[in-house]
Amino acid sequence: MSKDQIYGLIDHMPEEETVWISDERERSKAYYAKVNSCDSRALIQLIKTLYLEKNQHSKSKRLGTIDSKIMGTAERLLYEEFAFVLGLDPKDVLPFIQARIPRQAV
């Protein structure tokens, strides 16, 4: 992946569709398939979906254990790939993404 491809993915994150699946067993199966694909766009969809779900329920409950684990794995894979190409430390990728996307667009 090139820097321009990463910038394009980041710039289109606000428009990326979410992929929430209500059935926990089906969701787990589908989400693990996305993680195992190592497709950056699929990882972005997954992270965005779980992030929005987490924020929607932040006052009432947390994400389930499996969803949290999947989100962590997806973030790690995506951030490591972005960090490698952009020459960043993986812990600096999220702040980089947040600085590139206007707050109201998320």
C-alpha atoms as a PDB file:
ATOM      1  CA  MET A   1       0.000   0.000   0.000  1.00  0.00           C
ATOM      2  CA  SER A   2       1.261   3.485  -0.830  1.00  0.00           C
ATOM      3  CA  LYS A   3       1.006   6.696   1.192  1.00  0.00           C
ATOM      4  CA  ASP A   4      -1.532   8.059  -1.313  1.00  0.00           C
ATOM      5  CA  GLN A   5      -3.700   4.962  -0.894  1.00  0.00           C
ATOM      6  CA  ILE A   6      -3.611   5.359   2.882  1.00  0.00           C
ATOM      7  CA  TYR A   7      -4.481   9.058   2.636  1.00  0.00           C
ATOM      8  CA  GLY A   8      -7.406   8.124   0.389  1.00  0.00           C
ATOM      9  CA  LEU A   9      -8.659   5.531   2.866  1.00  0.00           C
ATOM     10  CA  ILE A  10      -8.398   8.016   5.719  1.00  0.00           C
ATOM     11  CA  ASP A  11     -10.125  10.776   3.755  1.00  0.00           C
ATOM     12  CA  HIS A  12     -13.053   8.462   2.963  1.00  0.00           C
ATOM     13  CA  MET A  13     -13.476   7.076   6.494  1.00  0.00           C
ATOM     14  CA  PRO A  14     -16.430   9.369   7.306  1.00  0.00           C
ATOM     15  CA  GLU A  15     -18.371   8.018   4.304  1.00  0.00           C
ATOM     16  CA  GLU A  16     -17.496   4.377   4.979  1.00  0.00           C
ATOM     17  CA  GLU A  17     -20.549   2.216   5.644  1.00  0.00           C
ATOM     18  CA  THR A  18     -20.947   0.311   8.865  1.00  0.00           C
ATOM     19  CA  VAL A  19     -21.478  -3.460   8.942  1.00  0.00           C
ATOM     20  CA  TRP A  20     -23.337  -4.202  12.202  1.00  0.00           C
ATOM     21  CA  ILE A  21     -24.819  -7.689  12.443  1.00  0.00           C
ATOM     22  CA  SER A  22     -27.359  -8.207  15.229  1.00  0.00           C
ATOM     23  CA  ASP A  23     -26.880 -11.931  15.706  1.00  0.00           C
ATOM     24  CA  GLU A  24     -23.822 -12.349  17.940  1.00  0.00           C
ATOM     25  CA  ARG A  25     -22.725 -15.689  16.464  1.00  0.00           C
ATOM     26  CA  GLU A  26     -23.040 -14.472  12.857  1.00  0.00           C
ATOM     27  CA  ARG A  27     -21.377 -11.165  13.753  1.00  0.00           C
ATOM     28  CA  SER A  28     -18.411 -12.933  15.308  1.00  0.00           C
ATOM     29  CA  LYS A  29     -17.986 -15.200  12.286  1.00  0.00           C
ATOM     30  CA  ALA A  30     -18.274 -12.340   9.770  1.00  0.00           C
ATOM     31  CA  TYR A  31     -16.013 -10.000  11.721  1.00  0.00           C
ATOM     32  CA  TYR A  32     -13.277 -12.603  12.187  1.00  0.00           C
ATOM     33  CA  ALA A  33     -13.410 -13.204   8.421  1.00  0.00           C
ATOM     34  CA  LYS A  34     -12.860  -9.480   7.853  1.00  0.00           C
ATOM     35  CA  VAL A  35      -9.936  -9.415  10.287  1.00  0.00           C
ATOM     36  CA  ASN A  36      -8.370 -12.477   8.668  1.00  0.00           C
ATOM     37  CA  SER A  37      -8.722 -10.915   5.202  1.00  0.00           C
ATOM     38  CA  CYS A  38      -6.260  -8.165   6.246  1.00  0.00           C
ATOM     39  CA  ASP A  39      -8.110  -5.872   3.810  1.00  0.00           C
ATOM     40  CA  SER A  40      -7.600  -2.308   5.051  1.00  0.00           C
ATOM     41  CA  ARG A  41     -11.016  -1.103   3.902  1.00  0.00           C
ATOM     42  CA  ALA A  42     -12.734  -4.037   5.633  1.00  0.00           C
ATOM     43  CA  LEU A  43     -10.755  -3.289   8.805  1.00  0.00           C
ATOM     44  CA  ILE A  44     -11.840   0.359   8.647  1.00  0.00           C
ATOM     45  CA  GLN A  45     -15.506  -0.663   8.257  1.00  0.00           C
ATOM     46  CA  LEU A  46     -15.154  -3.009  11.192  1.00  0.00           C
ATOM     47  CA  ILE A  47     -13.433  -0.486  13.462  1.00  0.00           C
ATOM     48  CA  LYS A  48     -15.961   2.215  12.573  1.00  0.00           C
ATOM     49  CA  THR A  49     -18.894  -0.125  13.191  1.00  0.00           C
ATOM     50  CA  LEU A  50     -17.637  -1.275  16.572  1.00  0.00           C
ATOM     51  CA  TYR A  51     -16.590   2.242  17.592  1.00  0.00           C
ATOM     52  CA  LEU A  52     -20.069   3.591  16.833  1.00  0.00           C
ATOM     53  CA  GLU A  53     -21.718   0.647  18.586  1.00  0.00           C
ATOM     54  CA  LYS A  54     -19.483   1.169  21.619  1.00  0.00           C
ATOM     55  CA  ASN A  55     -20.341   4.880  21.790  1.00  0.00           C
ATOM     56  CA  GLN A  56     -24.047   4.200  21.323  1.00  0.00           C
ATOM     57  CA  HIS A  57     -24.048   1.943  24.381  1.00  0.00           C
ATOM     58  CA  SER A  58     -21.381   3.737  26.412  1.00  0.00           C
ATOM     59  CA  LYS A  59     -23.820   4.777  29.120  1.00  0.00           C
ATOM     60  CA  SER A  60     -25.751   1.534  29.329  1.00  0.00           C
ATOM     61  CA  LYS A  61     -23.179  -1.172  28.620  1.00  0.00           C
ATOM     62  CA  ARG A  62     -19.836  -1.932  27.055  1.00  0.00           C
ATOM     63  CA  LEU A  63     -19.004  -3.918  23.955  1.00  0.00           C
ATOM     64  CA  GLY A  64     -18.995  -7.645  24.476  1.00  0.00           C
ATOM     65  CA  THR A  65     -15.711  -9.443  25.028  1.00  0.00           C
ATOM     66  CA  ILE A  66     -15.569 -10.877  21.513  1.00  0.00           C
ATOM     67  CA  ASP A  67     -16.418  -7.536  19.882  1.00  0.00           C
ATOM     68  CA  SER A  68     -13.757  -5.771  21.992  1.00  0.00           C
ATOM     69  CA  LYS A  69     -11.166  -8.384  21.057  1.00  0.00           C
ATOM     70  CA  ILE A  70     -12.020  -8.117  17.357  1.00  0.00           C
ATOM     71  CA  MET A  71     -11.863  -4.318  17.492  1.00  0.00           C
ATOM     72  CA  GLY A  72      -8.461  -4.413  19.191  1.00  0.00           C
ATOM     73  CA  THR A  73      -7.076  -6.857  16.637  1.00  0.00           C
ATOM     74  CA  ALA A  74      -8.462  -4.838  13.704  1.00  0.00           C
ATOM     75  CA  GLU A  75      -6.980  -1.615  15.104  1.00  0.00           C
ATOM     76  CA  ARG A  76      -3.594  -3.237  15.680  1.00  0.00           C
ATOM     77  CA  LEU A  77      -3.439  -4.646  12.141  1.00  0.00           C
ATOM     78  CA  LEU A  78      -4.541  -1.398  10.504  1.00  0.00           C
ATOM     79  CA  TYR A  79      -2.336   0.867  12.635  1.00  0.00           C
ATOM     80  CA  GLU A  80       0.729  -1.312  12.092  1.00  0.00           C
ATOM     81  CA  GLU A  81       0.248  -1.259   8.325  1.00  0.00           C
ATOM     82  CA  PHE A  82      -0.341   2.494   8.259  1.00  0.00           C
ATOM     83  CA  ALA A  83       2.619   3.092  10.599  1.00  0.00           C
ATOM     84  CA  PHE A  84       4.975   1.069   8.427  1.00  0.00           C
ATOM     85  CA  VAL A  85       4.053   2.921   5.217  1.00  0.00           C
ATOM     86  CA  LEU A  86       3.825   6.389   6.794  1.00  0.00           C
ATOM     87  CA  GLY A  87       6.975   6.002   8.890  1.00  0.00           C
ATOM     88  CA  LEU A  88       5.117   6.483  12.170  1.00  0.00           C
ATOM     89  CA  ASP A  89       5.056   4.666  15.467  1.00  0.00           C
ATOM     90  CA  PRO A  90       1.821   2.587  15.639  1.00  0.00           C
ATOM     91  CA  LYS A  91       0.691   4.563  18.698  1.00  0.00           C
ATOM     92  CA  ASP A  92       0.853   7.762  16.606  1.00  0.00           C
ATOM     93  CA  VAL A  93      -1.459   6.490  13.851  1.00  0.00           C
ATOM     94  CA  LEU A  94      -4.774   7.249  15.583  1.00  0.00           C
ATOM     95  CA  PRO A  95      -3.798  10.871  16.366  1.00  0.00           C
ATOM     96  CA  PHE A  96      -2.617  11.189  12.747  1.00  0.00           C
ATOM     97  CA  ILE A  97      -5.998   9.948  11.467  1.00  0.00           C
ATOM     98  CA  GLN A  98      -7.910  12.185  13.869  1.00  0.00           C
ATOM     99  CA  ALA A  99      -5.919  15.237  12.770  1.00  0.00           C
ATOM    100  CA  ARG A 100      -6.606  14.478   9.121  1.00  0.00           C
ATOM    101  CA  ILE A 101     -10.382  14.008   9.489  1.00  0.00           C
ATOM    102  CA  PRO A 102     -12.466  17.003  10.575  1.00  0.00           C
ATOM    103  CA  ARG A 103     -14.237  16.247  13.886  1.00  0.00           C
ATOM    104  CA  GLN A 104     -17.756  16.905  12.546  1.00  0.00           C
ATOM    105  CA  ALA A 105     -17.195  14.465   9.664  1.00  0.00           C
ATOM    106  CA  VAL A 106     -16.848  11.425  11.946  1.00  0.00           C
END
